[in-house]
């Protein structure tokens, strides 16, 4: 354990964290949490199938062609958010127990659950993007206070290099806080855009299913002889 502690202490990054004080340790912990949340969020969105949708699009085509059973087979049992919403919309449309209002409500419920899952974890990223620079600023203020206390106690014997060194260490926490907050904010913005796109797709999907359901059957085309007459 002693050798491990010595090796860590020799690392430049570890030395910067140690010199920055307790606020630097908190910022370092936030950086680890940010990375974990981003990786978990990518895996969660992949599980939701937010970058897919081929089966739901194929189901829409089949549904519009008047082939409901084949459309249902395209999305039945698939875990993606679009497939679940398509399955709910088509399934309730085929089920005589559901009128149009109940079918729309059930489809909206399934869509809300999918959207809730797509937005899970975003509050954590938002919180990190907010408090990381504040922690950095707090560390800088505390470091500046300590540096000027040293300057005051030194009196006329104060060494400007000591003051500069204390200020440099104090400003380190602000830089570290922004270095954590910026990636967290970028990831938050991107995940929100993915969720917004998914919401738009789910609304469009459900609307197209119910519009095709309520559309009147097309009249048979006239023959060439009837057209000529």
C-alpha atoms as a PDB file:
ATOM      1  CA  UNK A   1       0.000   0.000   0.000  1.00  0.00           C
ATOM      2  CA  UNK A   2       2.859   2.361   0.755  1.00  0.00           C
ATOM      3  CA  UNK A   3       4.382   1.766  -2.681  1.00  0.00           C
ATOM      4  CA  UNK A   4       0.992   2.424  -4.332  1.00  0.00           C
ATOM      5  CA  UNK A   5       0.539   5.682  -2.428  1.00  0.00           C
ATOM      6  CA  UNK A   6       4.056   6.757  -3.398  1.00  0.00           C
ATOM      7  CA  UNK A   7       3.393   5.972  -7.051  1.00  0.00           C
ATOM      8  CA  UNK A   8       0.109   7.916  -7.036  1.00  0.00           C
ATOM      9  CA  UNK A   9       1.750  10.870  -5.354  1.00  0.00           C
ATOM     10  CA  UNK A  10       4.358  10.944  -8.116  1.00  0.00           C
ATOM     11  CA  UNK A  11       1.675  11.335 -10.817  1.00  0.00           C
ATOM     12  CA  UNK A  12       1.262  14.958 -12.035  1.00  0.00           C
ATOM     13  CA  UNK A  13      -2.538  14.727 -12.025  1.00  0.00           C
ATOM     14  CA  UNK A  14      -2.638  13.354  -8.503  1.00  0.00           C
ATOM     15  CA  UNK A  15      -0.325  16.122  -7.385  1.00  0.00           C
ATOM     16  CA  UNK A  16      -2.603  18.774  -8.872  1.00  0.00           C
ATOM     17  CA  UNK A  17      -5.627  17.281  -7.134  1.00  0.00           C
ATOM     18  CA  UNK A  18      -3.736  17.111  -3.839  1.00  0.00           C
ATOM     19  CA  UNK A  19      -2.523  20.696  -4.120  1.00  0.00           C
ATOM     20  CA  UNK A  20      -5.999  21.981  -4.991  1.00  0.00           C
ATOM     21  CA  UNK A  21      -7.459  20.912  -1.663  1.00  0.00           C
ATOM     22  CA  UNK A  22     -10.763  19.283  -0.807  1.00  0.00           C
ATOM     23  CA  UNK A  23     -12.671  21.089  -3.558  1.00  0.00           C
ATOM     24  CA  UNK A  24     -10.388  19.470  -6.141  1.00  0.00           C
ATOM     25  CA  UNK A  25     -11.228  16.063  -4.714  1.00  0.00           C
ATOM     26  CA  UNK A  26     -14.926  16.830  -5.096  1.00  0.00           C
ATOM     27  CA  UNK A  27     -14.413  18.009  -8.672  1.00  0.00           C
ATOM     28  CA  UNK A  28     -12.415  14.861  -9.440  1.00  0.00           C
ATOM     29  CA  UNK A  29     -15.277  12.764  -8.051  1.00  0.00           C
ATOM     30  CA  UNK A  30     -17.730  14.695 -10.239  1.00  0.00           C
ATOM     31  CA  UNK A  31     -15.586  13.958 -13.292  1.00  0.00           C
ATOM     32  CA  UNK A  32     -15.772  10.231 -12.576  1.00  0.00           C
ATOM     33  CA  UNK A  33     -19.535  10.449 -12.044  1.00  0.00           C
ATOM     34  CA  UNK A  34     -19.926  12.384 -15.299  1.00  0.00           C
ATOM     35  CA  UNK A  35     -18.074   9.727 -17.263  1.00  0.00           C
ATOM     36  CA  UNK A  36     -20.128   6.969 -15.649  1.00  0.00           C
ATOM     37  CA  UNK A  37     -23.433   8.739 -16.373  1.00  0.00           C
ATOM     38  CA  UNK A  38     -22.496   9.408 -20.006  1.00  0.00           C
ATOM     39  CA  UNK A  39     -21.484   5.796 -20.618  1.00  0.00           C
ATOM     40  CA  UNK A  40     -24.628   4.500 -18.893  1.00  0.00           C
ATOM     41  CA  UNK A  41     -26.762   6.922 -20.881  1.00  0.00           C
ATOM     42  CA  UNK A  42     -25.274   5.786 -24.187  1.00  0.00           C
ATOM     43  CA  UNK A  43     -25.985   2.177 -23.267  1.00  0.00           C
ATOM     44  CA  UNK A  44     -29.524   3.039 -22.141  1.00  0.00           C
ATOM     45  CA  UNK A  45     -30.322   4.908 -25.350  1.00  0.00           C
ATOM     46  CA  UNK A  46     -28.912   2.077 -27.410  1.00  0.00           C
ATOM     47  CA  UNK A  47     -31.189  -0.310 -25.516  1.00  0.00           C
ATOM     48  CA  UNK A  48     -34.117   1.982 -26.316  1.00  0.00           C
ATOM     49  CA  UNK A  49     -33.244   1.814 -29.997  1.00  0.00           C
ATOM     50  CA  UNK A  50     -33.225   5.582 -30.475  1.00  0.00           C
ATOM     51  CA  UNK A  51     -30.916   5.276 -33.478  1.00  0.00           C
ATOM     52  CA  UNK A  52     -33.004   2.597 -35.180  1.00  0.00           C
ATOM     53  CA  UNK A  53     -36.601   2.492 -36.343  1.00  0.00           C
ATOM     54  CA  UNK A  54     -36.534   0.302 -39.451  1.00  0.00           C
ATOM     55  CA  UNK A  55     -39.115  -2.133 -38.092  1.00  0.00           C
ATOM     56  CA  UNK A  56     -41.539   0.616 -37.066  1.00  0.00           C
ATOM     57  CA  UNK A  57     -41.209   2.258 -40.489  1.00  0.00           C
ATOM     58  CA  UNK A  58     -41.892  -1.067 -42.181  1.00  0.00           C
ATOM     59  CA  UNK A  59     -44.912  -1.558 -39.913  1.00  0.00           C
ATOM     60  CA  UNK A  60     -46.266   1.847 -40.940  1.00  0.00           C
ATOM     61  CA  UNK A  61     -45.998   0.945 -44.607  1.00  0.00           C
ATOM     62  CA  UNK A  62     -47.796  -2.350 -44.069  1.00  0.00           C
ATOM     63  CA  UNK A  63     -50.448  -0.668 -41.931  1.00  0.00           C
ATOM     64  CA  UNK A  64     -51.099   1.946 -44.619  1.00  0.00           C
ATOM     65  CA  UNK A  65     -51.421  -0.853 -47.186  1.00  0.00           C
ATOM     66  CA  UNK A  66     -54.166  -2.481 -45.156  1.00  0.00           C
ATOM     67  CA  UNK A  67     -52.066  -5.386 -43.867  1.00  0.00           C
ATOM     68  CA  UNK A  68     -52.468  -4.988 -40.081  1.00  0.00           C
ATOM     69  CA  UNK A  69     -51.385  -8.487 -39.056  1.00  0.00           C
ATOM     70  CA  UNK A  70     -48.119  -8.220 -40.963  1.00  0.00           C
ATOM     71  CA  UNK A  71     -47.589  -4.734 -39.547  1.00  0.00           C
ATOM     72  CA  UNK A  72     -48.071  -6.090 -36.039  1.00  0.00           C
ATOM     73  CA  UNK A  73     -45.584  -8.893 -36.677  1.00  0.00           C
ATOM     74  CA  UNK A  74     -42.929  -6.299 -37.571  1.00  0.00           C
ATOM     75  CA  UNK A  75     -42.945  -4.717 -34.108  1.00  0.00           C
ATOM     76  CA  UNK A  76     -44.266  -7.427 -31.790  1.00  0.00           C
ATOM     77  CA  UNK A  77     -41.873  -8.172 -28.925  1.00  0.00           C
ATOM     78  CA  UNK A  78     -39.189  -5.685 -29.998  1.00  0.00           C
ATOM     79  CA  UNK A  79     -37.616  -3.608 -27.180  1.00  0.00           C
ATOM     80  CA  UNK A  80     -37.100  -0.314 -29.011  1.00  0.00           C
ATOM     81  CA  UNK A  81     -39.210   2.692 -28.052  1.00  0.00           C
ATOM     82  CA  UNK A  82     -40.577   3.204 -31.558  1.00  0.00           C
ATOM     83  CA  UNK A  83     -41.538  -0.456 -31.869  1.00  0.00           C
ATOM     84  CA  UNK A  84     -43.331  -0.385 -28.509  1.00  0.00           C
ATOM     85  CA  UNK A  85     -45.344   2.677 -29.452  1.00  0.00           C
ATOM     86  CA  UNK A  86     -46.168   1.224 -32.868  1.00  0.00           C
ATOM     87  CA  UNK A  87     -47.207  -2.030 -31.235  1.00  0.00           C
ATOM     88  CA  UNK A  88     -49.438  -0.158 -28.774  1.00  0.00           C
ATOM     89  CA  UNK A  89     -51.037   1.959 -31.501  1.00  0.00           C
ATOM     90  CA  UNK A  90     -51.633  -0.940 -33.892  1.00  0.00           C
ATOM     91  CA  UNK A  91     -52.621  -3.389 -31.168  1.00  0.00           C
ATOM     92  CA  UNK A  92     -55.225  -1.103 -29.619  1.00  0.00           C
ATOM     93  CA  UNK A  93     -56.561  -0.242 -33.068  1.00  0.00           C
ATOM     94  CA  UNK A  94     -57.129  -3.922 -33.758  1.00  0.00           C
ATOM     95  CA  UNK A  95     -58.578  -4.654 -30.326  1.00  0.00           C
ATOM     96  CA  UNK A  96     -62.375  -4.140 -30.310  1.00  0.00           C
ATOM     97  CA  UNK A  97     -62.267  -3.390 -26.579  1.00  0.00           C
ATOM     98  CA  UNK A  98     -60.581  -0.046 -27.307  1.00  0.00           C
ATOM     99  CA  UNK A  99     -62.413   2.823 -28.901  1.00  0.00           C
ATOM    100  CA  UNK A 100     -60.392   5.595 -30.537  1.00  0.00           C
ATOM    101  CA  UNK A 101     -60.034   7.675 -27.366  1.00  0.00           C
ATOM    102  CA  UNK A 102     -58.905   4.699 -25.265  1.00  0.00           C
ATOM    103  CA  UNK A 103     -56.505   3.559 -27.981  1.00  0.00           C
ATOM    104  CA  UNK A 104     -54.904   6.999 -28.160  1.00  0.00           C
ATOM    105  CA  UNK A 105     -54.624   7.192 -24.370  1.00  0.00           C
ATOM    106  CA  UNK A 106     -52.959   3.790 -24.110  1.00  0.00           C
ATOM    107  CA  UNK A 107     -50.530   4.670 -26.888  1.00  0.00           C
ATOM    108  CA  UNK A 108     -49.730   7.982 -25.166  1.00  0.00           C
ATOM    109  CA  UNK A 109     -49.045   6.122 -21.918  1.00  0.00           C
ATOM    110  CA  UNK A 110     -46.543   3.814 -23.615  1.00  0.00           C
ATOM    111  CA  UNK A 111     -44.903   6.791 -25.320  1.00  0.00           C
ATOM    112  CA  UNK A 112     -44.587   8.681 -22.018  1.00  0.00           C
ATOM    113  CA  UNK A 113     -42.850   5.705 -20.423  1.00  0.00           C
ATOM    114  CA  UNK A 114     -40.367   5.523 -23.299  1.00  0.00           C
ATOM    115  CA  UNK A 115     -39.665   9.246 -23.105  1.00  0.00           C
ATOM    116  CA  UNK A 116     -39.172   9.048 -19.343  1.00  0.00           C
ATOM    117  CA  UNK A 117     -36.561   6.336 -19.862  1.00  0.00           C
ATOM    118  CA  UNK A 118     -34.856   8.378 -22.569  1.00  0.00           C
ATOM    119  CA  UNK A 119     -34.529  11.344 -20.191  1.00  0.00           C
ATOM    120  CA  UNK A 120     -33.372   9.411 -17.141  1.00  0.00           C
ATOM    121  CA  UNK A 121     -30.027  10.651 -15.826  1.00  0.00           C
ATOM    122  CA  UNK A 122     -30.226  14.073 -17.464  1.00  0.00           C
ATOM    123  CA  UNK A 123     -30.880  15.789 -14.128  1.00  0.00           C
ATOM    124  CA  UNK A 124     -27.569  14.417 -12.840  1.00  0.00           C
ATOM    125  CA  UNK A 125     -25.679  15.887 -15.788  1.00  0.00           C
ATOM    126  CA  UNK A 126     -27.500  19.185 -15.357  1.00  0.00           C
ATOM    127  CA  UNK A 127     -26.574  19.289 -11.676  1.00  0.00           C
ATOM    128  CA  UNK A 128     -22.911  18.508 -12.410  1.00  0.00           C
ATOM    129  CA  UNK A 129     -22.750  21.177 -15.129  1.00  0.00           C
ATOM    130  CA  UNK A 130     -24.121  23.673 -12.600  1.00  0.00           C
ATOM    131  CA  UNK A 131     -22.162  22.897  -9.435  1.00  0.00           C
ATOM    132  CA  UNK A 132     -18.757  21.964 -10.905  1.00  0.00           C
ATOM    133  CA  UNK A 133     -17.779  25.557 -11.810  1.00  0.00           C
ATOM    134  CA  UNK A 134     -19.218  26.765  -8.497  1.00  0.00           C
ATOM    135  CA  UNK A 135     -17.025  24.301  -6.636  1.00  0.00           C
ATOM    136  CA  UNK A 136     -14.071  25.508  -8.686  1.00  0.00           C
ATOM    137  CA  UNK A 137     -14.863  29.102  -7.825  1.00  0.00           C
ATOM    138  CA  UNK A 138     -15.223  28.184  -4.155  1.00  0.00           C
ATOM    139  CA  UNK A 139     -11.822  26.508  -4.199  1.00  0.00           C
ATOM    140  CA  UNK A 140     -10.293  29.584  -5.827  1.00  0.00           C
ATOM    141  CA  UNK A 141     -11.793  31.927  -3.240  1.00  0.00           C
ATOM    142  CA  UNK A 142     -10.599  29.735  -0.379  1.00  0.00           C
ATOM    143  CA  UNK A 143      -7.147  29.506  -1.938  1.00  0.00           C
ATOM    144  CA  UNK A 144      -6.932  33.263  -2.394  1.00  0.00           C
ATOM    145  CA  UNK A 145      -7.956  33.789   1.226  1.00  0.00           C
ATOM    146  CA  UNK A 146      -5.228  31.404   2.369  1.00  0.00           C
ATOM    147  CA  UNK A 147      -2.644  33.094   0.112  1.00  0.00           C
ATOM    148  CA  UNK A 148      -3.409  36.559   1.450  1.00  0.00           C
ATOM    149  CA  UNK A 149      -3.364  35.277   5.012  1.00  0.00           C
ATOM    150  CA  UNK A 150       0.179  34.047   4.388  1.00  0.00           C
ATOM    151  CA  UNK A 151       1.020  37.445   2.898  1.00  0.00           C
ATOM    152  CA  UNK A 152      -0.390  39.237   5.914  1.00  0.00           C
ATOM    153  CA  UNK A 153       1.460  37.057   8.409  1.00  0.00           C
ATOM    154  CA  UNK A 154       4.742  37.557   6.542  1.00  0.00           C
ATOM    155  CA  UNK A 155       4.569  41.320   6.849  1.00  0.00           C
ATOM    156  CA  UNK A 156       7.486  43.114   5.257  1.00  0.00           C
ATOM    157  CA  UNK A 157       9.275  39.801   4.693  1.00  0.00           C
ATOM    158  CA  UNK A 158       6.660  38.571   2.183  1.00  0.00           C
ATOM    159  CA  UNK A 159       8.005  36.788  -0.851  1.00  0.00           C
ATOM    160  CA  UNK A 160       6.025  37.576  -4.046  1.00  0.00           C
ATOM    161  CA  UNK A 161       6.828  34.120  -5.397  1.00  0.00           C
ATOM    162  CA  UNK A 162       5.006  32.518  -2.461  1.00  0.00           C
ATOM    163  CA  UNK A 163       1.947  34.660  -3.166  1.00  0.00           C
ATOM    164  CA  UNK A 164       2.068  33.819  -6.877  1.00  0.00           C
ATOM    165  CA  UNK A 165       2.338  30.124  -6.081  1.00  0.00           C
ATOM    166  CA  UNK A 166      -0.684  30.268  -3.791  1.00  0.00           C
ATOM    167  CA  UNK A 167      -2.755  32.122  -6.390  1.00  0.00           C
ATOM    168  CA  UNK A 168      -1.755  29.618  -9.091  1.00  0.00           C
ATOM    169  CA  UNK A 169      -2.923  26.721  -6.967  1.00  0.00           C
ATOM    170  CA  UNK A 170      -6.143  28.576  -6.140  1.00  0.00           C
ATOM    171  CA  UNK A 171      -6.965  29.253  -9.794  1.00  0.00           C
ATOM    172  CA  UNK A 172      -6.411  25.575 -10.553  1.00  0.00           C
ATOM    173  CA  UNK A 173      -9.744  24.639  -9.024  1.00  0.00           C
ATOM    174  CA  UNK A 174     -11.643  27.046 -11.299  1.00  0.00           C
ATOM    175  CA  UNK A 175     -10.011  25.536 -14.365  1.00  0.00           C
ATOM    176  CA  UNK A 176     -10.793  22.029 -13.128  1.00  0.00           C
ATOM    177  CA  UNK A 177     -14.429  22.926 -12.436  1.00  0.00           C
ATOM    178  CA  UNK A 178     -14.896  24.287 -15.965  1.00  0.00           C
ATOM    179  CA  UNK A 179     -13.095  21.277 -17.421  1.00  0.00           C
ATOM    180  CA  UNK A 180     -15.754  19.047 -15.833  1.00  0.00           C
ATOM    181  CA  UNK A 181     -18.747  21.328 -16.452  1.00  0.00           C
ATOM    182  CA  UNK A 182     -18.150  21.880 -20.166  1.00  0.00           C
ATOM    183  CA  UNK A 183     -18.241  18.184 -21.212  1.00  0.00           C
ATOM    184  CA  UNK A 184     -21.205  17.590 -18.897  1.00  0.00           C
ATOM    185  CA  UNK A 185     -23.090  20.487 -20.489  1.00  0.00           C
ATOM    186  CA  UNK A 186     -22.272  19.306 -24.013  1.00  0.00           C
ATOM    187  CA  UNK A 187     -23.397  15.760 -23.197  1.00  0.00           C
ATOM    188  CA  UNK A 188     -26.582  17.088 -21.589  1.00  0.00           C
ATOM    189  CA  UNK A 189     -27.434  19.173 -24.650  1.00  0.00           C
ATOM    190  CA  UNK A 190     -26.824  16.252 -27.005  1.00  0.00           C
ATOM    191  CA  UNK A 191     -28.869  13.797 -24.947  1.00  0.00           C
ATOM    192  CA  UNK A 192     -31.719  16.304 -24.772  1.00  0.00           C
ATOM    193  CA  UNK A 193     -31.661  16.685 -28.548  1.00  0.00           C
ATOM    194  CA  UNK A 194     -31.791  12.900 -28.929  1.00  0.00           C
ATOM    195  CA  UNK A 195     -34.757  12.742 -26.551  1.00  0.00           C
ATOM    196  CA  UNK A 196     -36.541  15.567 -28.384  1.00  0.00           C
ATOM    197  CA  UNK A 197     -36.031  13.796 -31.685  1.00  0.00           C
ATOM    198  CA  UNK A 198     -37.408  10.591 -30.198  1.00  0.00           C
ATOM    199  CA  UNK A 199     -40.460  12.434 -28.880  1.00  0.00           C
ATOM    200  CA  UNK A 200     -41.120  13.909 -32.319  1.00  0.00           C
ATOM    201  CA  UNK A 201     -40.771  10.492 -33.949  1.00  0.00           C
ATOM    202  CA  UNK A 202     -43.124   8.833 -31.456  1.00  0.00           C
ATOM    203  CA  UNK A 203     -45.772  11.502 -31.930  1.00  0.00           C
ATOM    204  CA  UNK A 204     -45.477  11.219 -35.704  1.00  0.00           C
ATOM    205  CA  UNK A 205     -45.629   7.431 -35.534  1.00  0.00           C
ATOM    206  CA  UNK A 206     -48.772   7.325 -33.398  1.00  0.00           C
ATOM    207  CA  UNK A 207     -50.479  10.009 -35.474  1.00  0.00           C
ATOM    208  CA  UNK A 208     -49.825   8.173 -38.740  1.00  0.00           C
ATOM    209  CA  UNK A 209     -51.211   4.936 -37.314  1.00  0.00           C
ATOM    210  CA  UNK A 210     -54.452   6.564 -36.145  1.00  0.00           C
ATOM    211  CA  UNK A 211     -54.851   8.674 -39.268  1.00  0.00           C
ATOM    212  CA  UNK A 212     -54.522   5.569 -41.437  1.00  0.00           C
ATOM    213  CA  UNK A 213     -56.995   3.789 -39.157  1.00  0.00           C
ATOM    214  CA  UNK A 214     -59.617   6.530 -39.514  1.00  0.00           C
ATOM    215  CA  UNK A 215     -59.046   7.178 -43.210  1.00  0.00           C
ATOM    216  CA  UNK A 216     -61.970   6.084 -45.393  1.00  0.00           C
ATOM    217  CA  UNK A 217     -61.390   3.289 -47.828  1.00  0.00           C
ATOM    218  CA  UNK A 218     -60.346   4.519 -51.263  1.00  0.00           C
ATOM    219  CA  UNK A 219     -62.985   4.100 -53.989  1.00  0.00           C
ATOM    220  CA  UNK A 220     -62.172   1.518 -56.655  1.00  0.00           C
ATOM    221  CA  UNK A 221     -60.444   2.910 -59.677  1.00  0.00           C
ATOM    222  CA  UNK A 222     -62.533   3.255 -62.812  1.00  0.00           C
ATOM    223  CA  UNK A 223     -61.739   1.044 -65.709  1.00  0.00           C
ATOM    224  CA  UNK A 224     -60.365   2.449 -68.945  1.00  0.00           C
ATOM    225  CA  UNK A 225     -63.699   1.874 -70.662  1.00  0.00           C
ATOM    226  CA  UNK A 226     -65.556   3.860 -67.967  1.00  0.00           C
ATOM    227  CA  UNK A 227     -62.963   6.584 -68.187  1.00  0.00           C
ATOM    228  CA  UNK A 228     -63.334   6.731 -71.951  1.00  0.00           C
ATOM    229  CA  UNK A 229     -67.105   7.030 -71.641  1.00  0.00           C
END
